[in-house]
PDBML (XML) file of the C-alpha atoms, coordinates in Angstrom:
<?xml version="1.0" encoding="UTF-8" ?>
<PDBx:datablock datablockName="MODEL"
   xmlns:PDBx="http://pdbml.pdb.org/schema/pdbx-v50.xsd"
   xmlns:xsi="http://www.w3.org/2001/XMLSchema-instance"
   xsi:schemaLocation="http://pdbml.pdb.org/schema/pdbx-v50.xsd pdbx-v50.xsd">
   <PDBx:atom_siteCategory>
      <PDBx:atom_site id="1">
         <PDBx:B_iso_or_equiv>0.00</PDBx:B_iso_or_equiv>
         <PDBx:Cartn_x>74.867</PDBx:Cartn_x>
         <PDBx:Cartn_y>261.015</PDBx:Cartn_y>
         <PDBx:Cartn_z>-99.887</PDBx:Cartn_z>
         <PDBx:auth_asym_id>A</PDBx:auth_asym_id>
         <PDBx:auth_atom_id>CA</PDBx:auth_atom_id>
         <PDBx:auth_comp_id>SER</PDBx:auth_comp_id>
         <PDBx:auth_seq_id>1</PDBx:auth_seq_id>
         <PDBx:group_PDB>ATOM</PDBx:group_PDB>
         <PDBx:label_alt_id xsi:nil="true" />
         <PDBx:label_asym_id>A</PDBx:label_asym_id>
         <PDBx:label_atom_id>CA</PDBx:label_atom_id>
         <PDBx:label_comp_id>SER</PDBx:label_comp_id>
         <PDBx:label_entity_id>1</PDBx:label_entity_id>
         <PDBx:label_seq_id>1</PDBx:label_seq_id>
         <PDBx:occupancy>1.00</PDBx:occupancy>
         <PDBx:pdbx_PDB_model_num>1</PDBx:pdbx_PDB_model_num>
         <PDBx:type_symbol>C</PDBx:type_symbol>
      </PDBx:atom_site>
      <PDBx:atom_site id="2">
         <PDBx:B_iso_or_equiv>0.00</PDBx:B_iso_or_equiv>
         <PDBx:Cartn_x>73.508</PDBx:Cartn_x>
         <PDBx:Cartn_y>261.384</PDBx:Cartn_y>
         <PDBx:Cartn_z>-103.173</PDBx:Cartn_z>
         <PDBx:auth_asym_id>A</PDBx:auth_asym_id>
         <PDBx:auth_atom_id>CA</PDBx:auth_atom_id>
         <PDBx:auth_comp_id>ASP</PDBx:auth_comp_id>
         <PDBx:auth_seq_id>2</PDBx:auth_seq_id>
         <PDBx:group_PDB>ATOM</PDBx:group_PDB>
         <PDBx:label_alt_id xsi:nil="true" />
         <PDBx:label_asym_id>A</PDBx:label_asym_id>
         <PDBx:label_atom_id>CA</PDBx:label_atom_id>
         <PDBx:label_comp_id>ASP</PDBx:label_comp_id>
         <PDBx:label_entity_id>1</PDBx:label_entity_id>
         <PDBx:label_seq_id>2</PDBx:label_seq_id>
         <PDBx:occupancy>1.00</PDBx:occupancy>
         <PDBx:pdbx_PDB_model_num>1</PDBx:pdbx_PDB_model_num>
         <PDBx:type_symbol>C</PDBx:type_symbol>
      </PDBx:atom_site>
      <PDBx:atom_site id="3">
         <PDBx:B_iso_or_equiv>0.00</PDBx:B_iso_or_equiv>
         <PDBx:Cartn_x>70.323</PDBx:Cartn_x>
         <PDBx:Cartn_y>259.911</PDBx:Cartn_y>
         <PDBx:Cartn_z>-102.366</PDBx:Cartn_z>
         <PDBx:auth_asym_id>A</PDBx:auth_asym_id>
         <PDBx:auth_atom_id>CA</PDBx:auth_atom_id>
         <PDBx:auth_comp_id>THR</PDBx:auth_comp_id>
         <PDBx:auth_seq_id>3</PDBx:auth_seq_id>
         <PDBx:group_PDB>ATOM</PDBx:group_PDB>
         <PDBx:label_alt_id xsi:nil="true" />
         <PDBx:label_asym_id>A</PDBx:label_asym_id>
         <PDBx:label_atom_id>CA</PDBx:label_atom_id>
         <PDBx:label_comp_id>THR</PDBx:label_comp_id>
         <PDBx:label_entity_id>1</PDBx:label_entity_id>
         <PDBx:label_seq_id>3</PDBx:label_seq_id>
         <PDBx:occupancy>1.00</PDBx:occupancy>
         <PDBx:pdbx_PDB_model_num>1</PDBx:pdbx_PDB_model_num>
         <PDBx:type_symbol>C</PDBx:type_symbol>
      </PDBx:atom_site>
      <PDBx:atom_site id="4">
         <PDBx:B_iso_or_equiv>0.00</PDBx:B_iso_or_equiv>
         <PDBx:Cartn_x>67.641</PDBx:Cartn_x>
         <PDBx:Cartn_y>260.308</PDBx:Cartn_y>
         <PDBx:Cartn_z>-99.709</PDBx:Cartn_z>
         <PDBx:auth_asym_id>A</PDBx:auth_asym_id>
         <PDBx:auth_atom_id>CA</PDBx:auth_atom_id>
         <PDBx:auth_comp_id>ALA</PDBx:auth_comp_id>
         <PDBx:auth_seq_id>4</PDBx:auth_seq_id>
         <PDBx:group_PDB>ATOM</PDBx:group_PDB>
         <PDBx:label_alt_id xsi:nil="true" />
         <PDBx:label_asym_id>A</PDBx:label_asym_id>
         <PDBx:label_atom_id>CA</PDBx:label_atom_id>
         <PDBx:label_comp_id>ALA</PDBx:label_comp_id>
         <PDBx:label_entity_id>1</PDBx:label_entity_id>
         <PDBx:label_seq_id>4</PDBx:label_seq_id>
         <PDBx:occupancy>1.00</PDBx:occupancy>
         <PDBx:pdbx_PDB_model_num>1</PDBx:pdbx_PDB_model_num>
         <PDBx:type_symbol>C</PDBx:type_symbol>
      </PDBx:atom_site>
      <PDBx:atom_site id="5">
         <PDBx:B_iso_or_equiv>0.00</PDBx:B_iso_or_equiv>
         <PDBx:Cartn_x>67.734</PDBx:Cartn_x>
         <PDBx:Cartn_y>256.473</PDBx:Cartn_y>
         <PDBx:Cartn_z>-97.946</PDBx:Cartn_z>
         <PDBx:auth_asym_id>A</PDBx:auth_asym_id>
         <PDBx:auth_atom_id>CA</PDBx:auth_atom_id>
         <PDBx:auth_comp_id>ILE</PDBx:auth_comp_id>
         <PDBx:auth_seq_id>5</PDBx:auth_seq_id>
         <PDBx:group_PDB>ATOM</PDBx:group_PDB>
         <PDBx:label_alt_id xsi:nil="true" />
         <PDBx:label_asym_id>A</PDBx:label_asym_id>
         <PDBx:label_atom_id>CA</PDBx:label_atom_id>
         <PDBx:label_comp_id>ILE</PDBx:label_comp_id>
         <PDBx:label_entity_id>1</PDBx:label_entity_id>
         <PDBx:label_seq_id>5</PDBx:label_seq_id>
         <PDBx:occupancy>1.00</PDBx:occupancy>
         <PDBx:pdbx_PDB_model_num>1</PDBx:pdbx_PDB_model_num>
         <PDBx:type_symbol>C</PDBx:type_symbol>
      </PDBx:atom_site>
      <PDBx:atom_site id="6">
         <PDBx:B_iso_or_equiv>0.00</PDBx:B_iso_or_equiv>
         <PDBx:Cartn_x>71.493</PDBx:Cartn_x>
         <PDBx:Cartn_y>255.616</PDBx:Cartn_y>
         <PDBx:Cartn_z>-96.972</PDBx:Cartn_z>
         <PDBx:auth_asym_id>A</PDBx:auth_asym_id>
         <PDBx:auth_atom_id>CA</PDBx:auth_atom_id>
         <PDBx:auth_comp_id>ILE</PDBx:auth_comp_id>
         <PDBx:auth_seq_id>6</PDBx:auth_seq_id>
         <PDBx:group_PDB>ATOM</PDBx:group_PDB>
         <PDBx:label_alt_id xsi:nil="true" />
         <PDBx:label_asym_id>A</PDBx:label_asym_id>
         <PDBx:label_atom_id>CA</PDBx:label_atom_id>
         <PDBx:label_comp_id>ILE</PDBx:label_comp_id>
         <PDBx:label_entity_id>1</PDBx:label_entity_id>
         <PDBx:label_seq_id>6</PDBx:label_seq_id>
         <PDBx:occupancy>1.00</PDBx:occupancy>
         <PDBx:pdbx_PDB_model_num>1</PDBx:pdbx_PDB_model_num>
         <PDBx:type_symbol>C</PDBx:type_symbol>
      </PDBx:atom_site>
      <PDBx:atom_site id="7">
         <PDBx:B_iso_or_equiv>0.00</PDBx:B_iso_or_equiv>
         <PDBx:Cartn_x>71.371</PDBx:Cartn_x>
         <PDBx:Cartn_y>251.777</PDBx:Cartn_y>
         <PDBx:Cartn_z>-97.058</PDBx:Cartn_z>
         <PDBx:auth_asym_id>A</PDBx:auth_asym_id>
         <PDBx:auth_atom_id>CA</PDBx:auth_atom_id>
         <PDBx:auth_comp_id>HIS</PDBx:auth_comp_id>
         <PDBx:auth_seq_id>7</PDBx:auth_seq_id>
         <PDBx:group_PDB>ATOM</PDBx:group_PDB>
         <PDBx:label_alt_id xsi:nil="true" />
         <PDBx:label_asym_id>A</PDBx:label_asym_id>
         <PDBx:label_atom_id>CA</PDBx:label_atom_id>
         <PDBx:label_comp_id>HIS</PDBx:label_comp_id>
         <PDBx:label_entity_id>1</PDBx:label_entity_id>
         <PDBx:label_seq_id>7</PDBx:label_seq_id>
         <PDBx:occupancy>1.00</PDBx:occupancy>
         <PDBx:pdbx_PDB_model_num>1</PDBx:pdbx_PDB_model_num>
         <PDBx:type_symbol>C</PDBx:type_symbol>
      </PDBx:atom_site>
      <PDBx:atom_site id="8">
         <PDBx:B_iso_or_equiv>0.00</PDBx:B_iso_or_equiv>
         <PDBx:Cartn_x>73.506</PDBx:Cartn_x>
         <PDBx:Cartn_y>250.813</PDBx:Cartn_y>
         <PDBx:Cartn_z>-93.702</PDBx:Cartn_z>
         <PDBx:auth_asym_id>A</PDBx:auth_asym_id>
         <PDBx:auth_atom_id>CA</PDBx:auth_atom_id>
         <PDBx:auth_comp_id>GLY</PDBx:auth_comp_id>
         <PDBx:auth_seq_id>8</PDBx:auth_seq_id>
         <PDBx:group_PDB>ATOM</PDBx:group_PDB>
         <PDBx:label_alt_id xsi:nil="true" />
         <PDBx:label_asym_id>A</PDBx:label_asym_id>
         <PDBx:label_atom_id>CA</PDBx:label_atom_id>
         <PDBx:label_comp_id>GLY</PDBx:label_comp_id>
         <PDBx:label_entity_id>1</PDBx:label_entity_id>
         <PDBx:label_seq_id>8</PDBx:label_seq_id>
         <PDBx:occupancy>1.00</PDBx:occupancy>
         <PDBx:pdbx_PDB_model_num>1</PDBx:pdbx_PDB_model_num>
         <PDBx:type_symbol>C</PDBx:type_symbol>
      </PDBx:atom_site>
      <PDBx:atom_site id="9">
         <PDBx:B_iso_or_equiv>0.00</PDBx:B_iso_or_equiv>
         <PDBx:Cartn_x>73.705</PDBx:Cartn_x>
         <PDBx:Cartn_y>247.393</PDBx:Cartn_y>
         <PDBx:Cartn_z>-94.624</PDBx:Cartn_z>
         <PDBx:auth_asym_id>A</PDBx:auth_asym_id>
         <PDBx:auth_atom_id>CA</PDBx:auth_atom_id>
         <PDBx:auth_comp_id>VAL</PDBx:auth_comp_id>
         <PDBx:auth_seq_id>9</PDBx:auth_seq_id>
         <PDBx:group_PDB>ATOM</PDBx:group_PDB>
         <PDBx:label_alt_id xsi:nil="true" />
         <PDBx:label_asym_id>A</PDBx:label_asym_id>
         <PDBx:label_atom_id>CA</PDBx:label_atom_id>
         <PDBx:label_comp_id>VAL</PDBx:label_comp_id>
         <PDBx:label_entity_id>1</PDBx:label_entity_id>
         <PDBx:label_seq_id>9</PDBx:label_seq_id>
         <PDBx:occupancy>1.00</PDBx:occupancy>
         <PDBx:pdbx_PDB_model_num>1</PDBx:pdbx_PDB_model_num>
         <PDBx:type_symbol>C</PDBx:type_symbol>
      </PDBx:atom_site>
      <PDBx:atom_site id="10">
         <PDBx:B_iso_or_equiv>0.00</PDBx:B_iso_or_equiv>
         <PDBx:Cartn_x>73.563</PDBx:Cartn_x>
         <PDBx:Cartn_y>246.653</PDBx:Cartn_y>
         <PDBx:Cartn_z>-98.975</PDBx:Cartn_z>
         <PDBx:auth_asym_id>A</PDBx:auth_asym_id>
         <PDBx:auth_atom_id>CA</PDBx:auth_atom_id>
         <PDBx:auth_comp_id>GLU</PDBx:auth_comp_id>
         <PDBx:auth_seq_id>10</PDBx:auth_seq_id>
         <PDBx:group_PDB>ATOM</PDBx:group_PDB>
         <PDBx:label_alt_id xsi:nil="true" />
         <PDBx:label_asym_id>A</PDBx:label_asym_id>
         <PDBx:label_atom_id>CA</PDBx:label_atom_id>
         <PDBx:label_comp_id>GLU</PDBx:label_comp_id>
         <PDBx:label_entity_id>1</PDBx:label_entity_id>
         <PDBx:label_seq_id>10</PDBx:label_seq_id>
         <PDBx:occupancy>1.00</PDBx:occupancy>
         <PDBx:pdbx_PDB_model_num>1</PDBx:pdbx_PDB_model_num>
         <PDBx:type_symbol>C</PDBx:type_symbol>
      </PDBx:atom_site>
      <PDBx:atom_site id="11">
         <PDBx:B_iso_or_equiv>0.00</PDBx:B_iso_or_equiv>
         <PDBx:Cartn_x>73.169</PDBx:Cartn_x>
         <PDBx:Cartn_y>242.968</PDBx:Cartn_y>
         <PDBx:Cartn_z>-98.348</PDBx:Cartn_z>
         <PDBx:auth_asym_id>A</PDBx:auth_asym_id>
         <PDBx:auth_atom_id>CA</PDBx:auth_atom_id>
         <PDBx:auth_comp_id>GLU</PDBx:auth_comp_id>
         <PDBx:auth_seq_id>11</PDBx:auth_seq_id>
         <PDBx:group_PDB>ATOM</PDBx:group_PDB>
         <PDBx:label_alt_id xsi:nil="true" />
         <PDBx:label_asym_id>A</PDBx:label_asym_id>
         <PDBx:label_atom_id>CA</PDBx:label_atom_id>
         <PDBx:label_comp_id>GLU</PDBx:label_comp_id>
         <PDBx:label_entity_id>1</PDBx:label_entity_id>
         <PDBx:label_seq_id>11</PDBx:label_seq_id>
         <PDBx:occupancy>1.00</PDBx:occupancy>
         <PDBx:pdbx_PDB_model_num>1</PDBx:pdbx_PDB_model_num>
         <PDBx:type_symbol>C</PDBx:type_symbol>
      </PDBx:atom_site>
      <PDBx:atom_site id="12">
         <PDBx:B_iso_or_equiv>0.00</PDBx:B_iso_or_equiv>
         <PDBx:Cartn_x>70.910</PDBx:Cartn_x>
         <PDBx:Cartn_y>242.933</PDBx:Cartn_y>
         <PDBx:Cartn_z>-95.189</PDBx:Cartn_z>
         <PDBx:auth_asym_id>A</PDBx:auth_asym_id>
         <PDBx:auth_atom_id>CA</PDBx:auth_atom_id>
         <PDBx:auth_comp_id>SER</PDBx:auth_comp_id>
         <PDBx:auth_seq_id>12</PDBx:auth_seq_id>
         <PDBx:group_PDB>ATOM</PDBx:group_PDB>
         <PDBx:label_alt_id xsi:nil="true" />
         <PDBx:label_asym_id>A</PDBx:label_asym_id>
         <PDBx:label_atom_id>CA</PDBx:label_atom_id>
         <PDBx:label_comp_id>SER</PDBx:label_comp_id>
         <PDBx:label_entity_id>1</PDBx:label_entity_id>
         <PDBx:label_seq_id>12</PDBx:label_seq_id>
         <PDBx:occupancy>1.00</PDBx:occupancy>
         <PDBx:pdbx_PDB_model_num>1</PDBx:pdbx_PDB_model_num>
         <PDBx:type_symbol>C</PDBx:type_symbol>
      </PDBx:atom_site>
      <PDBx:atom_site id="13">
         <PDBx:B_iso_or_equiv>0.00</PDBx:B_iso_or_equiv>
         <PDBx:Cartn_x>69.386</PDBx:Cartn_x>
         <PDBx:Cartn_y>239.685</PDBx:Cartn_y>
         <PDBx:Cartn_z>-96.246</PDBx:Cartn_z>
         <PDBx:auth_asym_id>A</PDBx:auth_asym_id>
         <PDBx:auth_atom_id>CA</PDBx:auth_atom_id>
         <PDBx:auth_comp_id>GLU</PDBx:auth_comp_id>
         <PDBx:auth_seq_id>13</PDBx:auth_seq_id>
         <PDBx:group_PDB>ATOM</PDBx:group_PDB>
         <PDBx:label_alt_id xsi:nil="true" />
         <PDBx:label_asym_id>A</PDBx:label_asym_id>
         <PDBx:label_atom_id>CA</PDBx:label_atom_id>
         <PDBx:label_comp_id>GLU</PDBx:label_comp_id>
         <PDBx:label_entity_id>1</PDBx:label_entity_id>
         <PDBx:label_seq_id>13</PDBx:label_seq_id>
         <PDBx:occupancy>1.00</PDBx:occupancy>
         <PDBx:pdbx_PDB_model_num>1</PDBx:pdbx_PDB_model_num>
         <PDBx:type_symbol>C</PDBx:type_symbol>
      </PDBx:atom_site>
      <PDBx:atom_site id="14">
         <PDBx:B_iso_or_equiv>0.00</PDBx:B_iso_or_equiv>
         <PDBx:Cartn_x>73.095</PDBx:Cartn_x>
         <PDBx:Cartn_y>237.804</PDBx:Cartn_y>
         <PDBx:Cartn_z>-96.236</PDBx:Cartn_z>
         <PDBx:auth_asym_id>A</PDBx:auth_asym_id>
         <PDBx:auth_atom_id>CA</PDBx:auth_atom_id>
         <PDBx:auth_comp_id>LYS</PDBx:auth_comp_id>
         <PDBx:auth_seq_id>14</PDBx:auth_seq_id>
         <PDBx:group_PDB>ATOM</PDBx:group_PDB>
         <PDBx:label_alt_id xsi:nil="true" />
         <PDBx:label_asym_id>A</PDBx:label_asym_id>
         <PDBx:label_atom_id>CA</PDBx:label_atom_id>
         <PDBx:label_comp_id>LYS</PDBx:label_comp_id>
         <PDBx:label_entity_id>1</PDBx:label_entity_id>
         <PDBx:label_seq_id>14</PDBx:label_seq_id>
         <PDBx:occupancy>1.00</PDBx:occupancy>
         <PDBx:pdbx_PDB_model_num>1</PDBx:pdbx_PDB_model_num>
         <PDBx:type_symbol>C</PDBx:type_symbol>
      </PDBx:atom_site>
      <PDBx:atom_site id="15">
         <PDBx:B_iso_or_equiv>0.00</PDBx:B_iso_or_equiv>
         <PDBx:Cartn_x>73.435</PDBx:Cartn_x>
         <PDBx:Cartn_y>239.478</PDBx:Cartn_y>
         <PDBx:Cartn_z>-93.435</PDBx:Cartn_z>
         <PDBx:auth_asym_id>A</PDBx:auth_asym_id>
         <PDBx:auth_atom_id>CA</PDBx:auth_atom_id>
         <PDBx:auth_comp_id>LEU</PDBx:auth_comp_id>
         <PDBx:auth_seq_id>15</PDBx:auth_seq_id>
         <PDBx:group_PDB>ATOM</PDBx:group_PDB>
         <PDBx:label_alt_id xsi:nil="true" />
         <PDBx:label_asym_id>A</PDBx:label_asym_id>
         <PDBx:label_atom_id>CA</PDBx:label_atom_id>
         <PDBx:label_comp_id>LEU</PDBx:label_comp_id>
         <PDBx:label_entity_id>1</PDBx:label_entity_id>
         <PDBx:label_seq_id>15</PDBx:label_seq_id>
         <PDBx:occupancy>1.00</PDBx:occupancy>
         <PDBx:pdbx_PDB_model_num>1</PDBx:pdbx_PDB_model_num>
         <PDBx:type_symbol>C</PDBx:type_symbol>
      </PDBx:atom_site>
      <PDBx:atom_site id="16">
         <PDBx:B_iso_or_equiv>0.00</PDBx:B_iso_or_equiv>
         <PDBx:Cartn_x>70.691</PDBx:Cartn_x>
         <PDBx:Cartn_y>238.130</PDBx:Cartn_y>
         <PDBx:Cartn_z>-91.409</PDBx:Cartn_z>
         <PDBx:auth_asym_id>A</PDBx:auth_asym_id>
         <PDBx:auth_atom_id>CA</PDBx:auth_atom_id>
         <PDBx:auth_comp_id>LEU</PDBx:auth_comp_id>
         <PDBx:auth_seq_id>16</PDBx:auth_seq_id>
         <PDBx:group_PDB>ATOM</PDBx:group_PDB>
         <PDBx:label_alt_id xsi:nil="true" />
         <PDBx:label_asym_id>A</PDBx:label_asym_id>
         <PDBx:label_atom_id>CA</PDBx:label_atom_id>
         <PDBx:label_comp_id>LEU</PDBx:label_comp_id>
         <PDBx:label_entity_id>1</PDBx:label_entity_id>
         <PDBx:label_seq_id>16</PDBx:label_seq_id>
         <PDBx:occupancy>1.00</PDBx:occupancy>
         <PDBx:pdbx_PDB_model_num>1</PDBx:pdbx_PDB_model_num>
         <PDBx:type_symbol>C</PDBx:type_symbol>
      </PDBx:atom_site>
      <PDBx:atom_site id="17">
         <PDBx:B_iso_or_equiv>0.00</PDBx:B_iso_or_equiv>
         <PDBx:Cartn_x>71.415</PDBx:Cartn_x>
         <PDBx:Cartn_y>234.994</PDBx:Cartn_y>
         <PDBx:Cartn_z>-92.822</PDBx:Cartn_z>
         <PDBx:auth_asym_id>A</PDBx:auth_asym_id>
         <PDBx:auth_atom_id>CA</PDBx:auth_atom_id>
         <PDBx:auth_comp_id>ASN</PDBx:auth_comp_id>
         <PDBx:auth_seq_id>17</PDBx:auth_seq_id>
         <PDBx:group_PDB>ATOM</PDBx:group_PDB>
         <PDBx:label_alt_id xsi:nil="true" />
         <PDBx:label_asym_id>A</PDBx:label_asym_id>
         <PDBx:label_atom_id>CA</PDBx:label_atom_id>
         <PDBx:label_comp_id>ASN</PDBx:label_comp_id>
         <PDBx:label_entity_id>1</PDBx:label_entity_id>
         <PDBx:label_seq_id>17</PDBx:label_seq_id>
         <PDBx:occupancy>1.00</PDBx:occupancy>
         <PDBx:pdbx_PDB_model_num>1</PDBx:pdbx_PDB_model_num>
         <PDBx:type_symbol>C</PDBx:type_symbol>
      </PDBx:atom_site>
      <PDBx:atom_site id="18">
         <PDBx:B_iso_or_equiv>0.00</PDBx:B_iso_or_equiv>
         <PDBx:Cartn_x>75.174</PDBx:Cartn_x>
         <PDBx:Cartn_y>235.387</PDBx:Cartn_y>
         <PDBx:Cartn_z>-91.181</PDBx:Cartn_z>
         <PDBx:auth_asym_id>A</PDBx:auth_asym_id>
         <PDBx:auth_atom_id>CA</PDBx:auth_atom_id>
         <PDBx:auth_comp_id>ARG</PDBx:auth_comp_id>
         <PDBx:auth_seq_id>18</PDBx:auth_seq_id>
         <PDBx:group_PDB>ATOM</PDBx:group_PDB>
         <PDBx:label_alt_id xsi:nil="true" />
         <PDBx:label_asym_id>A</PDBx:label_asym_id>
         <PDBx:label_atom_id>CA</PDBx:label_atom_id>
         <PDBx:label_comp_id>ARG</PDBx:label_comp_id>
         <PDBx:label_entity_id>1</PDBx:label_entity_id>
         <PDBx:label_seq_id>18</PDBx:label_seq_id>
         <PDBx:occupancy>1.00</PDBx:occupancy>
         <PDBx:pdbx_PDB_model_num>1</PDBx:pdbx_PDB_model_num>
         <PDBx:type_symbol>C</PDBx:type_symbol>
      </PDBx:atom_site>
      <PDBx:atom_site id="19">
         <PDBx:B_iso_or_equiv>0.00</PDBx:B_iso_or_equiv>
         <PDBx:Cartn_x>73.457</PDBx:Cartn_x>
         <PDBx:Cartn_y>236.324</PDBx:Cartn_y>
         <PDBx:Cartn_z>-88.426</PDBx:Cartn_z>
         <PDBx:auth_asym_id>A</PDBx:auth_asym_id>
         <PDBx:auth_atom_id>CA</PDBx:auth_atom_id>
         <PDBx:auth_comp_id>LEU</PDBx:auth_comp_id>
         <PDBx:auth_seq_id>19</PDBx:auth_seq_id>
         <PDBx:group_PDB>ATOM</PDBx:group_PDB>
         <PDBx:label_alt_id xsi:nil="true" />
         <PDBx:label_asym_id>A</PDBx:label_asym_id>
         <PDBx:label_atom_id>CA</PDBx:label_atom_id>
         <PDBx:label_comp_id>LEU</PDBx:label_comp_id>
         <PDBx:label_entity_id>1</PDBx:label_entity_id>
         <PDBx:label_seq_id>19</PDBx:label_seq_id>
         <PDBx:occupancy>1.00</PDBx:occupancy>
         <PDBx:pdbx_PDB_model_num>1</PDBx:pdbx_PDB_model_num>
         <PDBx:type_symbol>C</PDBx:type_symbol>
      </PDBx:atom_site>
      <PDBx:atom_site id="20">
         <PDBx:B_iso_or_equiv>0.00</PDBx:B_iso_or_equiv>
         <PDBx:Cartn_x>70.789</PDBx:Cartn_x>
         <PDBx:Cartn_y>233.632</PDBx:Cartn_y>
         <PDBx:Cartn_z>-87.872</PDBx:Cartn_z>
         <PDBx:auth_asym_id>A</PDBx:auth_asym_id>
         <PDBx:auth_atom_id>CA</PDBx:auth_atom_id>
         <PDBx:auth_comp_id>GLU</PDBx:auth_comp_id>
         <PDBx:auth_seq_id>20</PDBx:auth_seq_id>
         <PDBx:group_PDB>ATOM</PDBx:group_PDB>
         <PDBx:label_alt_id xsi:nil="true" />
         <PDBx:label_asym_id>A</PDBx:label_asym_id>
         <PDBx:label_atom_id>CA</PDBx:label_atom_id>
         <PDBx:label_comp_id>GLU</PDBx:label_comp_id>
         <PDBx:label_entity_id>1</PDBx:label_entity_id>
         <PDBx:label_seq_id>20</PDBx:label_seq_id>
         <PDBx:occupancy>1.00</PDBx:occupancy>
         <PDBx:pdbx_PDB_model_num>1</PDBx:pdbx_PDB_model_num>
         <PDBx:type_symbol>C</PDBx:type_symbol>
      </PDBx:atom_site>
      <PDBx:atom_site id="21">
         <PDBx:B_iso_or_equiv>0.00</PDBx:B_iso_or_equiv>
         <PDBx:Cartn_x>72.599</PDBx:Cartn_x>
         <PDBx:Cartn_y>230.809</PDBx:Cartn_y>
         <PDBx:Cartn_z>-85.416</PDBx:Cartn_z>
         <PDBx:auth_asym_id>A</PDBx:auth_asym_id>
         <PDBx:auth_atom_id>CA</PDBx:auth_atom_id>
         <PDBx:auth_comp_id>GLU</PDBx:auth_comp_id>
         <PDBx:auth_seq_id>21</PDBx:auth_seq_id>
         <PDBx:group_PDB>ATOM</PDBx:group_PDB>
         <PDBx:label_alt_id xsi:nil="true" />
         <PDBx:label_asym_id>A</PDBx:label_asym_id>
         <PDBx:label_atom_id>CA</PDBx:label_atom_id>
         <PDBx:label_comp_id>GLU</PDBx:label_comp_id>
         <PDBx:label_entity_id>1</PDBx:label_entity_id>
         <PDBx:label_seq_id>21</PDBx:label_seq_id>
         <PDBx:occupancy>1.00</PDBx:occupancy>
         <PDBx:pdbx_PDB_model_num>1</PDBx:pdbx_PDB_model_num>
         <PDBx:type_symbol>C</PDBx:type_symbol>
      </PDBx:atom_site>
      <PDBx:atom_site id="22">
         <PDBx:B_iso_or_equiv>0.00</PDBx:B_iso_or_equiv>
         <PDBx:Cartn_x>73.309</PDBx:Cartn_x>
         <PDBx:Cartn_y>234.015</PDBx:Cartn_y>
         <PDBx:Cartn_z>-82.972</PDBx:Cartn_z>
         <PDBx:auth_asym_id>A</PDBx:auth_asym_id>
         <PDBx:auth_atom_id>CA</PDBx:auth_atom_id>
         <PDBx:auth_comp_id>TYR</PDBx:auth_comp_id>
         <PDBx:auth_seq_id>22</PDBx:auth_seq_id>
         <PDBx:group_PDB>ATOM</PDBx:group_PDB>
         <PDBx:label_alt_id xsi:nil="true" />
         <PDBx:label_asym_id>A</PDBx:label_asym_id>
         <PDBx:label_atom_id>CA</PDBx:label_atom_id>
         <PDBx:label_comp_id>TYR</PDBx:label_comp_id>
         <PDBx:label_entity_id>1</PDBx:label_entity_id>
         <PDBx:label_seq_id>22</PDBx:label_seq_id>
         <PDBx:occupancy>1.00</PDBx:occupancy>
         <PDBx:pdbx_PDB_model_num>1</PDBx:pdbx_PDB_model_num>
         <PDBx:type_symbol>C</PDBx:type_symbol>
      </PDBx:atom_site>
      <PDBx:atom_site id="23">
         <PDBx:B_iso_or_equiv>0.00</PDBx:B_iso_or_equiv>
         <PDBx:Cartn_x>69.564</PDBx:Cartn_x>
         <PDBx:Cartn_y>234.578</PDBx:Cartn_y>
         <PDBx:Cartn_z>-82.484</PDBx:Cartn_z>
         <PDBx:auth_asym_id>A</PDBx:auth_asym_id>
         <PDBx:auth_atom_id>CA</PDBx:auth_atom_id>
         <PDBx:auth_comp_id>LEU</PDBx:auth_comp_id>
         <PDBx:auth_seq_id>23</PDBx:auth_seq_id>
         <PDBx:group_PDB>ATOM</PDBx:group_PDB>
         <PDBx:label_alt_id xsi:nil="true" />
         <PDBx:label_asym_id>A</PDBx:label_asym_id>
         <PDBx:label_atom_id>CA</PDBx:label_atom_id>
         <PDBx:label_comp_id>LEU</PDBx:label_comp_id>
         <PDBx:label_entity_id>1</PDBx:label_entity_id>
         <PDBx:label_seq_id>23</PDBx:label_seq_id>
         <PDBx:occupancy>1.00</PDBx:occupancy>
         <PDBx:pdbx_PDB_model_num>1</PDBx:pdbx_PDB_model_num>
         <PDBx:type_symbol>C</PDBx:type_symbol>
      </PDBx:atom_site>
      <PDBx:atom_site id="24">
         <PDBx:B_iso_or_equiv>0.00</PDBx:B_iso_or_equiv>
         <PDBx:Cartn_x>69.567</PDBx:Cartn_x>
         <PDBx:Cartn_y>231.565</PDBx:Cartn_y>
         <PDBx:Cartn_z>-79.867</PDBx:Cartn_z>
         <PDBx:auth_asym_id>A</PDBx:auth_asym_id>
         <PDBx:auth_atom_id>CA</PDBx:auth_atom_id>
         <PDBx:auth_comp_id>PRO</PDBx:auth_comp_id>
         <PDBx:auth_seq_id>24</PDBx:auth_seq_id>
         <PDBx:group_PDB>ATOM</PDBx:group_PDB>
         <PDBx:label_alt_id xsi:nil="true" />
         <PDBx:label_asym_id>A</PDBx:label_asym_id>
         <PDBx:label_atom_id>CA</PDBx:label_atom_id>
         <PDBx:label_comp_id>PRO</PDBx:label_comp_id>
         <PDBx:label_entity_id>1</PDBx:label_entity_id>
         <PDBx:label_seq_id>24</PDBx:label_seq_id>
         <PDBx:occupancy>1.00</PDBx:occupancy>
         <PDBx:pdbx_PDB_model_num>1</PDBx:pdbx_PDB_model_num>
         <PDBx:type_symbol>C</PDBx:type_symbol>
      </PDBx:atom_site>
   </PDBx:atom_siteCategory>
</PDBx:datablock>
């Protein structure tokens, strides 16, 4: 990429909120 840090998940907070229902 053009930057050192590559963010695999651009909106990680949104993804984690969506996956929270699967945590149990």
